[in-house]
Amino acid sequence: MVFLAVVLAAVVVLVLALALVEIRRRLVKINDGLATLGTALAGVEAEHLRPLEGAVKAINAQFDIILGALPEIARKAAIVAERRPR
């Protein structure tokens, strides 16, 4: 009975060790894939997104002007709506 318990413990330890080795192998593979993806994304950012920065800032500036004007437009629209006959 003691022999079977020792064998069972050895089998459990072996299975756990093999599982951990497989998990490590997969994590290394995932790490390599993420490194490749990170490099690709850095390339896309450098080649395609950075040149658009000026245009995006100009567009956002126009939106800021529009958003700044909306409260005044709403105020004037409320005045017109109050004067409108029902």
PDB file of N, CA and C in Angstrom:
ATOM      1  N   MET A   1       0.815  -1.179   0.000  1.00  0.00           N
ATOM      2  CA  MET A   1       0.000   0.000   0.000  1.00  0.00           C
ATOM      3  C   MET A   1       0.873   1.263   0.000  1.00  0.00           C
ATOM      4  N   VAL A   2       1.938   1.279   0.765  1.00  0.00           N
ATOM      5  CA  VAL A   2       2.847   2.416   0.800  1.00  0.00           C
ATOM      6  C   VAL A   2       3.504   2.581  -0.564  1.00  0.00           C
ATOM      7  N   PHE A   3       3.853   1.476  -1.201  1.00  0.00           N
ATOM      8  CA  PHE A   3       4.472   1.516  -2.526  1.00  0.00           C
ATOM      9  C   PHE A   3       3.537   2.172  -3.541  1.00  0.00           C
ATOM     10  N   LEU A   4       2.255   1.805  -3.491  1.00  0.00           N
ATOM     11  CA  LEU A   4       1.284   2.400  -4.423  1.00  0.00           C
ATOM     12  C   LEU A   4       1.106   3.895  -4.158  1.00  0.00           C
ATOM     13  N   ALA A   5       1.133   4.295  -2.905  1.00  0.00           N
ATOM     14  CA  ALA A   5       1.009   5.705  -2.569  1.00  0.00           C
ATOM     15  C   ALA A   5       2.203   6.484  -3.101  1.00  0.00           C
ATOM     16  N   VAL A   6       3.406   5.901  -2.976  1.00  0.00           N
ATOM     17  CA  VAL A   6       4.609   6.553  -3.491  1.00  0.00           C
ATOM     18  C   VAL A   6       4.557   6.642  -5.008  1.00  0.00           C
ATOM     19  N   VAL A   7       4.124   5.586  -5.667  1.00  0.00           N
ATOM     20  CA  VAL A   7       4.012   5.575  -7.133  1.00  0.00           C
ATOM     21  C   VAL A   7       2.974   6.610  -7.574  1.00  0.00           C
ATOM     22  N   LEU A   8       1.849   6.660  -6.876  1.00  0.00           N
ATOM     23  CA  LEU A   8       0.812   7.629  -7.217  1.00  0.00           C
ATOM     24  C   LEU A   8       1.333   9.057  -7.058  1.00  0.00           C
ATOM     25  N   ALA A   9       2.043   9.322  -5.980  1.00  0.00           N
ATOM     26  CA  ALA A   9       2.614  10.647  -5.765  1.00  0.00           C
ATOM     27  C   ALA A   9       3.611  10.985  -6.871  1.00  0.00           C
ATOM     28  N   ALA A  10       4.433  10.009  -7.261  1.00  0.00           N
ATOM     29  CA  ALA A  10       5.406  10.231  -8.328  1.00  0.00           C
ATOM     30  C   ALA A  10       4.695  10.532  -9.647  1.00  0.00           C
ATOM     31  N   VAL A  11       3.608   9.820  -9.925  1.00  0.00           N
ATOM     32  CA  VAL A  11       2.853  10.049 -11.156  1.00  0.00           C
ATOM     33  C   VAL A  11       2.234  11.449 -11.140  1.00  0.00           C
ATOM     34  N   VAL A  12       1.671  11.851 -10.005  1.00  0.00           N
ATOM     35  CA  VAL A  12       1.073  13.182  -9.898  1.00  0.00           C
ATOM     36  C   VAL A  12       2.131  14.258 -10.112  1.00  0.00           C
ATOM     37  N   VAL A  13       3.294  14.105  -9.483  1.00  0.00           N
ATOM     38  CA  VAL A  13       4.375  15.069  -9.654  1.00  0.00           C
ATOM     39  C   VAL A  13       4.829  15.097 -11.106  1.00  0.00           C
ATOM     40  N   LEU A  14       4.943  13.953 -11.748  1.00  0.00           N
ATOM     41  CA  LEU A  14       5.364  13.888 -13.154  1.00  0.00           C
ATOM     42  C   LEU A  14       4.352  14.584 -14.060  1.00  0.00           C
ATOM     43  N   VAL A  15       3.070  14.318 -13.828  1.00  0.00           N
ATOM     44  CA  VAL A  15       2.023  14.943 -14.651  1.00  0.00           C
ATOM     45  C   VAL A  15       2.036  16.461 -14.450  1.00  0.00           C
ATOM     46  N   LEU A  16       2.159  16.910 -13.212  1.00  0.00           N
ATOM     47  CA  LEU A  16       2.223  18.341 -12.951  1.00  0.00           C
ATOM     48  C   LEU A  16       3.453  18.979 -13.602  1.00  0.00           C
ATOM     49  N   ALA A  17       4.579  18.291 -13.543  1.00  0.00           N
ATOM     50  CA  ALA A  17       5.798  18.814 -14.163  1.00  0.00           C
ATOM     51  C   ALA A  17       5.620  18.929 -15.675  1.00  0.00           C
ATOM     52  N   LEU A  18       5.039  17.904 -16.284  1.00  0.00           N
ATOM     53  CA  LEU A  18       4.809  17.951 -17.728  1.00  0.00           C
ATOM     54  C   LEU A  18       3.831  19.078 -18.086  1.00  0.00           C
ATOM     55  N   ALA A  19       2.798  19.256 -17.258  1.00  0.00           N
ATOM     56  CA  ALA A  19       1.838  20.334 -17.521  1.00  0.00           C
ATOM     57  C   ALA A  19       2.528  21.692 -17.427  1.00  0.00           C
ATOM     58  N   LEU A  20       3.382  21.870 -16.430  1.00  0.00           N
ATOM     59  CA  LEU A  20       4.085  23.140 -16.283  1.00  0.00           C
ATOM     60  C   LEU A  20       5.053  23.389 -17.435  1.00  0.00           C
ATOM     61  N   VAL A  21       5.691  22.350 -17.914  1.00  0.00           N
ATOM     62  CA  VAL A  21       6.588  22.496 -19.064  1.00  0.00           C
ATOM     63  C   VAL A  21       5.788  22.917 -20.297  1.00  0.00           C
ATOM     64  N   GLU A  22       4.617  22.313 -20.480  1.00  0.00           N
ATOM     65  CA  GLU A  22       3.768  22.668 -21.627  1.00  0.00           C
ATOM     66  C   GLU A  22       3.254  24.104 -21.501  1.00  0.00           C
ATOM     67  N   ILE A  23       2.865  24.495 -20.302  1.00  0.00           N
ATOM     68  CA  ILE A  23       2.410  25.865 -20.076  1.00  0.00           C
ATOM     69  C   ILE A  23       3.540  26.844 -20.370  1.00  0.00           C
ATOM     70  N   ARG A  24       4.750  26.533 -19.937  1.00  0.00           N
ATOM     71  CA  ARG A  24       5.894  27.405 -20.202  1.00  0.00           C
ATOM     72  C   ARG A  24       6.145  27.524 -21.704  1.00  0.00           C
ATOM     73  N   ARG A  25       6.060  26.387 -22.414  1.00  0.00           N
ATOM     74  CA  ARG A  25       6.282  26.402 -23.862  1.00  0.00           C
ATOM     75  C   ARG A  25       5.257  27.293 -24.555  1.00  0.00           C
ATOM     76  N   ARG A  26       4.003  27.187 -24.135  1.00  0.00           N
ATOM     77  CA  ARG A  26       2.957  28.000 -24.755  1.00  0.00           C
ATOM     78  C   ARG A  26       3.116  29.476 -24.407  1.00  0.00           C
ATOM     79  N   LEU A  27       3.524  29.768 -23.178  1.00  0.00           N
ATOM     80  CA  LEU A  27       3.738  31.163 -22.799  1.00  0.00           C
ATOM     81  C   LEU A  27       4.889  31.785 -23.579  1.00  0.00           C
ATOM     82  N   VAL A  28       5.918  31.012 -23.839  1.00  0.00           N
ATOM     83  CA  VAL A  28       7.038  31.509 -24.650  1.00  0.00           C
ATOM     84  C   VAL A  28       6.549  31.802 -26.067  1.00  0.00           C
ATOM     85  N   LYS A  29       5.720  30.910 -26.597  1.00  0.00           N
ATOM     86  CA  LYS A  29       5.170  31.114 -27.938  1.00  0.00           C
ATOM     87  C   LYS A  29       4.285  32.366 -27.983  1.00  0.00           C
ATOM     88  N   ILE A  30       3.468  32.548 -26.955  1.00  0.00           N
ATOM     89  CA  ILE A  30       2.621  33.738 -26.880  1.00  0.00           C
ATOM     90  C   ILE A  30       3.485  34.988 -26.774  1.00  0.00           C
ATOM     91  N   ASN A  31       4.531  34.923 -25.971  1.00  0.00           N
ATOM     92  CA  ASN A  31       5.442  36.057 -25.822  1.00  0.00           C
ATOM     93  C   ASN A  31       6.077  36.430 -27.156  1.00  0.00           C
ATOM     94  N   ASP A  32       6.500  35.442 -27.910  1.00  0.00           N
ATOM     95  CA  ASP A  32       7.089  35.712 -29.224  1.00  0.00           C
ATOM     96  C   ASP A  32       6.077  36.369 -30.159  1.00  0.00           C
ATOM     97  N   GLY A  33       4.841  35.874 -30.119  1.00  0.00           N
ATOM     98  CA  GLY A  33       3.791  36.453 -30.954  1.00  0.00           C
ATOM     99  C   GLY A  33       3.488  37.889 -30.563  1.00  0.00           C
ATOM    100  N   LEU A  34       3.456  38.151 -29.264  1.00  0.00           N
ATOM    101  CA  LEU A  34       3.191  39.515 -28.809  1.00  0.00           C
ATOM    102  C   LEU A  34       4.343  40.456 -29.158  1.00  0.00           C
ATOM    103  N   ALA A  35       5.555  39.947 -29.112  1.00  0.00           N
ATOM    104  CA  ALA A  35       6.703  40.774 -29.499  1.00  0.00           C
ATOM    105  C   ALA A  35       6.620  41.129 -30.979  1.00  0.00           C
ATOM    106  N   THR A  36       6.252  40.158 -31.799  1.00  0.00           N
ATOM    107  CA  THR A  36       6.092  40.413 -33.237  1.00  0.00           C
ATOM    108  C   THR A  36       4.978  41.431 -33.476  1.00  0.00           C
ATOM    109  N   LEU A  37       3.865  41.261 -32.759  1.00  0.00           N
ATOM    110  CA  LEU A  37       2.744  42.189 -32.898  1.00  0.00           C
ATOM    111  C   LEU A  37       3.143  43.593 -32.460  1.00  0.00           C
ATOM    112  N   GLY A  38       3.882  43.689 -31.360  1.00  0.00           N
ATOM    113  CA  GLY A  38       4.339  44.997 -30.882  1.00  0.00           C
ATOM    114  C   GLY A  38       5.218  45.692 -31.894  1.00  0.00           C
ATOM    115  N   THR A  39       6.106  44.937 -32.521  1.00  0.00           N
ATOM    116  CA  THR A  39       6.972  45.506 -33.547  1.00  0.00           C
ATOM    117  C   THR A  39       6.150  45.976 -34.747  1.00  0.00           C
ATOM    118  N   ALA A  40       5.180  45.166 -35.151  1.00  0.00           N
ATOM    119  CA  ALA A  40       4.339  45.538 -36.285  1.00  0.00           C
ATOM    120  C   ALA A  40       3.525  46.796 -35.974  1.00  0.00           C
ATOM    121  N   LEU A  41       2.978  46.864 -34.771  1.00  0.00           N
ATOM    122  CA  LEU A  41       2.188  48.039 -34.401  1.00  0.00           C
ATOM    123  C   LEU A  41       3.048  49.292 -34.318  1.00  0.00           C
ATOM    124  N   ALA A  42       4.270  49.155 -33.843  1.00  0.00           N
ATOM    125  CA  ALA A  42       5.177  50.304 -33.798  1.00  0.00           C
ATOM    126  C   ALA A  42       5.476  50.789 -35.217  1.00  0.00           C
ATOM    127  N   GLY A  43       5.623  49.848 -36.147  1.00  0.00           N
ATOM    128  CA  GLY A  43       5.851  50.220 -37.544  1.00  0.00           C
ATOM    129  C   GLY A  43       4.664  50.933 -38.150  1.00  0.00           C
ATOM    130  N   VAL A  44       3.465  50.438 -37.857  1.00  0.00           N
ATOM    131  CA  VAL A  44       2.252  51.087 -38.372  1.00  0.00           C
ATOM    132  C   VAL A  44       2.134  52.495 -37.804  1.00  0.00           C
ATOM    133  N   GLU A  45       2.411  52.630 -36.514  1.00  0.00           N
ATOM    134  CA  GLU A  45       2.322  53.955 -35.899  1.00  0.00           C
ATOM    135  C   GLU A  45       3.314  54.919 -36.536  1.00  0.00           C
ATOM    136  N   ALA A  46       4.542  54.466 -36.715  1.00  0.00           N
ATOM    137  CA  ALA A  46       5.584  55.342 -37.253  1.00  0.00           C
ATOM    138  C   ALA A  46       5.319  55.717 -38.712  1.00  0.00           C
ATOM    139  N   GLU A  47       4.857  54.752 -39.495  1.00  0.00           N
ATOM    140  CA  GLU A  47       4.708  54.984 -40.933  1.00  0.00           C
ATOM    141  C   GLU A  47       3.368  55.594 -41.330  1.00  0.00           C
ATOM    142  N   HIS A  48       2.312  55.285 -40.560  1.00  0.00           N
ATOM    143  CA  HIS A  48       0.984  55.681 -41.024  1.00  0.00           C
ATOM    144  C   HIS A  48       0.263  56.656 -40.093  1.00  0.00           C
ATOM    145  N   LEU A  49       0.472  56.517 -38.798  1.00  0.00           N
ATOM    146  CA  LEU A  49      -0.300  57.355 -37.881  1.00  0.00           C
ATOM    147  C   LEU A  49       0.385  58.672 -37.544  1.00  0.00           C
ATOM    148  N   ARG A  50       1.679  58.656 -37.345  1.00  0.00           N
ATOM    149  CA  ARG A  50       2.372  59.902 -36.986  1.00  0.00           C
ATOM    150  C   ARG A  50       2.216  60.988 -38.042  1.00  0.00           C
ATOM    151  N   PRO A  51       2.278  60.653 -39.330  1.00  0.00           N
ATOM    152  CA  PRO A  51       2.086  61.714 -40.330  1.00  0.00           C
ATOM    153  C   PRO A  51       0.699  62.357 -40.272  1.00  0.00           C
ATOM    154  N   LEU A  52      -0.267  61.671 -39.704  1.00  0.00           N
ATOM    155  CA  LEU A  52      -1.624  62.218 -39.615  1.00  0.00           C
ATOM    156  C   LEU A  52      -1.818  63.125 -38.405  1.00  0.00           C
ATOM    157  N   GLU A  53      -0.838  63.204 -37.536  1.00  0.00           N
ATOM    158  CA  GLU A  53      -0.988  63.945 -36.289  1.00  0.00           C
ATOM    159  C   GLU A  53      -1.384  65.403 -36.522  1.00  0.00           C
ATOM    160  N   GLY A  54      -0.761  66.071 -37.464  1.00  0.00           N
ATOM    161  CA  GLY A  54      -1.085  67.473 -37.745  1.00  0.00           C
ATOM    162  C   GLY A  54      -2.521  67.644 -38.213  1.00  0.00           C
ATOM    163  N   ALA A  55      -2.955  66.751 -39.096  1.00  0.00           N
ATOM    164  CA  ALA A  55      -4.324  66.829 -39.605  1.00  0.00           C
ATOM    165  C   ALA A  55      -5.332  66.566 -38.495  1.00  0.00           C
ATOM    166  N   VAL A  56      -5.040  65.609 -37.642  1.00  0.00           N
ATOM    167  CA  VAL A  56      -5.953  65.296 -36.532  1.00  0.00           C
ATOM    168  C   VAL A  56      -6.047  66.481 -35.581  1.00  0.00           C
ATOM    169  N   LYS A  57      -4.923  67.110 -35.292  1.00  0.00           N
ATOM    170  CA  LYS A  57      -4.950  68.278 -34.409  1.00  0.00           C
ATOM    171  C   LYS A  57      -5.755  69.422 -35.029  1.00  0.00           C
ATOM    172  N   ALA A  58      -5.625  69.616 -36.335  1.00  0.00           N
ATOM    173  CA  ALA A  58      -6.385  70.673 -37.014  1.00  0.00           C
ATOM    174  C   ALA A  58      -7.883  70.372 -36.972  1.00  0.00           C
ATOM    175  N   ILE A  59      -8.250  69.141 -37.204  1.00  0.00           N
ATOM    176  CA  ILE A  59      -9.669  68.747 -37.154  1.00  0.00           C
ATOM    177  C   ILE A  59     -10.211  68.929 -35.745  1.00  0.00           C
ATOM    178  N   ASN A  60      -9.435  68.491 -34.754  1.00  0.00           N
ATOM    179  CA  ASN A  60      -9.880  68.637 -33.371  1.00  0.00           C
ATOM    180  C   ASN A  60     -10.023  70.109 -32.980  1.00  0.00           C
ATOM    181  N   ALA A  61      -9.164  70.950 -33.505  1.00  0.00           N
ATOM    182  CA  ALA A  61      -9.278  72.382 -33.221  1.00  0.00           C
ATOM    183  C   ALA A  61     -10.587  72.930 -33.782  1.00  0.00           C
ATOM    184  N   GLN A  62     -10.968  72.479 -34.968  1.00  0.00           N
ATOM    185  CA  GLN A  62     -12.239  72.917 -35.557  1.00  0.00           C
ATOM    186  C   GLN A  62     -13.414  72.428 -34.715  1.00  0.00           C
ATOM    187  N   PHE A  63     -13.322  71.204 -34.227  1.00  0.00           N
ATOM    188  CA  PHE A  63     -14.384  70.686 -33.360  1.00  0.00           C
ATOM    189  C   PHE A  63     -14.473  71.500 -32.072  1.00  0.00           C
ATOM    190  N   ASP A  64     -13.343  71.926 -31.541  1.00  0.00           N
ATOM    191  CA  ASP A  64     -13.354  72.753 -30.337  1.00  0.00           C
ATOM    192  C   ASP A  64     -14.075  74.069 -30.590  1.00  0.00           C
ATOM    193  N   ILE A  65     -13.854  74.650 -31.763  1.00  0.00           N
ATOM    194  CA  ILE A  65     -14.538  75.897 -32.120  1.00  0.00           C
ATOM    195  C   ILE A  65     -16.044  75.655 -32.209  1.00  0.00           C
ATOM    196  N   ILE A  66     -16.415  74.557 -32.864  1.00  0.00           N
ATOM    197  CA  ILE A  66     -17.846  74.229 -33.016  1.00  0.00           C
ATOM    198  C   ILE A  66     -18.477  73.985 -31.651  1.00  0.00           C
ATOM    199  N   LEU A  67     -17.808  73.203 -30.812  1.00  0.00           N
ATOM    200  CA  LEU A  67     -18.354  72.915 -29.488  1.00  0.00           C
ATOM    201  C   LEU A  67     -18.454  74.179 -28.640  1.00  0.00           C
ATOM    202  N   GLY A  68     -17.529  75.080 -28.818  1.00  0.00           N
ATOM    203  CA  GLY A  68     -17.595  76.339 -28.095  1.00  0.00           C
ATOM    204  C   GLY A  68     -18.771  77.199 -28.523  1.00  0.00           C
ATOM    205  N   ALA A  69     -19.176  77.066 -29.778  1.00  0.00           N
ATOM    206  CA  ALA A  69     -20.283  77.869 -30.292  1.00  0.00           C
ATOM    207  C   ALA A  69     -21.645  77.266 -29.962  1.00  0.00           C
ATOM    208  N   LEU A  70     -21.720  76.026 -29.614  1.00  0.00           N
ATOM    209  CA  LEU A  70     -23.013  75.365 -29.399  1.00  0.00           C
ATOM    210  C   LEU A  70     -23.850  75.995 -28.284  1.00  0.00           C
ATOM    211  N   PRO A  71     -23.277  76.373 -27.151  1.00  0.00           N
ATOM    212  CA  PRO A  71     -24.138  76.996 -26.126  1.00  0.00           C
ATOM    213  C   PRO A  71     -24.807  78.284 -26.614  1.00  0.00           C
ATOM    214  N   GLU A  72     -24.090  79.093 -27.363  1.00  0.00           N
ATOM    215  CA  GLU A  72     -24.671  80.337 -27.895  1.00  0.00           C
ATOM    216  C   GLU A  72     -25.758  80.011 -28.921  1.00  0.00           C
ATOM    217  N   ILE A  73     -25.504  79.028 -29.754  1.00  0.00           N
ATOM    218  CA  ILE A  73     -26.519  78.620 -30.742  1.00  0.00           C
ATOM    219  C   ILE A  73     -27.767  78.115 -30.021  1.00  0.00           C
ATOM    220  N   ALA A  74     -27.578  77.325 -28.975  1.00  0.00           N
ATOM    221  CA  ALA A  74     -28.720  76.806 -28.210  1.00  0.00           C
ATOM    222  C   ALA A  74     -29.489  77.945 -27.552  1.00  0.00           C
ATOM    223  N   ARG A  75     -28.783  78.944 -27.032  1.00  0.00           N
ATOM    224  CA  ARG A  75     -29.438  80.087 -26.412  1.00  0.00           C
ATOM    225  C   ARG A  75     -30.304  80.825 -27.442  1.00  0.00           C
ATOM    226  N   LYS A  76     -29.734  81.059 -28.624  1.00  0.00           N
ATOM    227  CA  LYS A  76     -30.480  81.763 -29.670  1.00  0.00           C
ATOM    228  C   LYS A  76     -31.659  80.926 -30.173  1.00  0.00           C
ATOM    229  N   ALA A  77     -31.471  79.628 -30.259  1.00  0.00           N
ATOM    230  CA  ALA A  77     -32.560  78.749 -30.696  1.00  0.00           C
ATOM    231  C   ALA A  77     -33.694  78.768 -29.679  1.00  0.00           C
ATOM    232  N   ALA A  78     -33.365  78.853 -28.403  1.00  0.00           N
ATOM    233  CA  ALA A  78     -34.403  78.919 -27.372  1.00  0.00           C
ATOM    234  C   ALA A  78     -35.201  80.214 -27.494  1.00  0.00           C
ATOM    235  N   ILE A  79     -34.519  81.320 -27.801  1.00  0.00           N
ATOM    236  CA  ILE A  79     -35.208  82.604 -27.978  1.00  0.00           C
ATOM    237  C   ILE A  79     -36.157  82.525 -29.167  1.00  0.00           C
ATOM    238  N   VAL A  80     -35.690  81.967 -30.265  1.00  0.00           N
ATOM    239  CA  VAL A  80     -36.524  81.831 -31.472  1.00  0.00           C
ATOM    240  C   VAL A  80     -37.716  80.919 -31.169  1.00  0.00           C
ATOM    241  N   ALA A  81     -37.492  79.857 -30.440  1.00  0.00           N
ATOM    242  CA  ALA A  81     -38.572  78.919 -30.122  1.00  0.00           C
ATOM    243  C   ALA A  81     -39.619  79.566 -29.230  1.00  0.00           C
ATOM    244  N   GLU A  82     -39.185  80.472 -28.325  1.00  0.00           N
ATOM    245  CA  GLU A  82     -40.145  81.157 -27.460  1.00  0.00           C
ATOM    246  C   GLU A  82     -40.998  82.137 -28.245  1.00  0.00           C
ATOM    247  N   ARG A  83     -40.435  82.756 -29.272  1.00  0.00           N
ATOM    248  CA  ARG A  83     -41.164  83.764 -30.063  1.00  0.00           C
ATOM    249  C   ARG A  83     -42.080  83.139 -31.097  1.00  0.00           C
ATOM    250  N   ARG A  84     -41.893  81.900 -31.375  1.00  0.00           N
ATOM    251  CA  ARG A  84     -42.661  81.220 -32.421  1.00  0.00           C
ATOM    252  C   ARG A  84     -44.117  81.062 -31.963  1.00  0.00           C
ATOM    253  N   PRO A  85     -45.048  81.434 -32.849  1.00  0.00           N
ATOM    254  CA  PRO A  85     -46.466  81.279 -32.477  1.00  0.00           C
ATOM    255  C   PRO A  85     -46.836  79.801 -32.427  1.00  0.00           C
ATOM    256  N   ARG A  86     -47.752  79.546 -31.517  1.00  0.00           N
ATOM    257  CA  ARG A  86     -48.175  78.137 -31.353  1.00  0.00           C
ATOM    258  C   ARG A  86     -49.465  77.854 -32.019  1.00  0.00           C
TER     259      ARG A  86
END
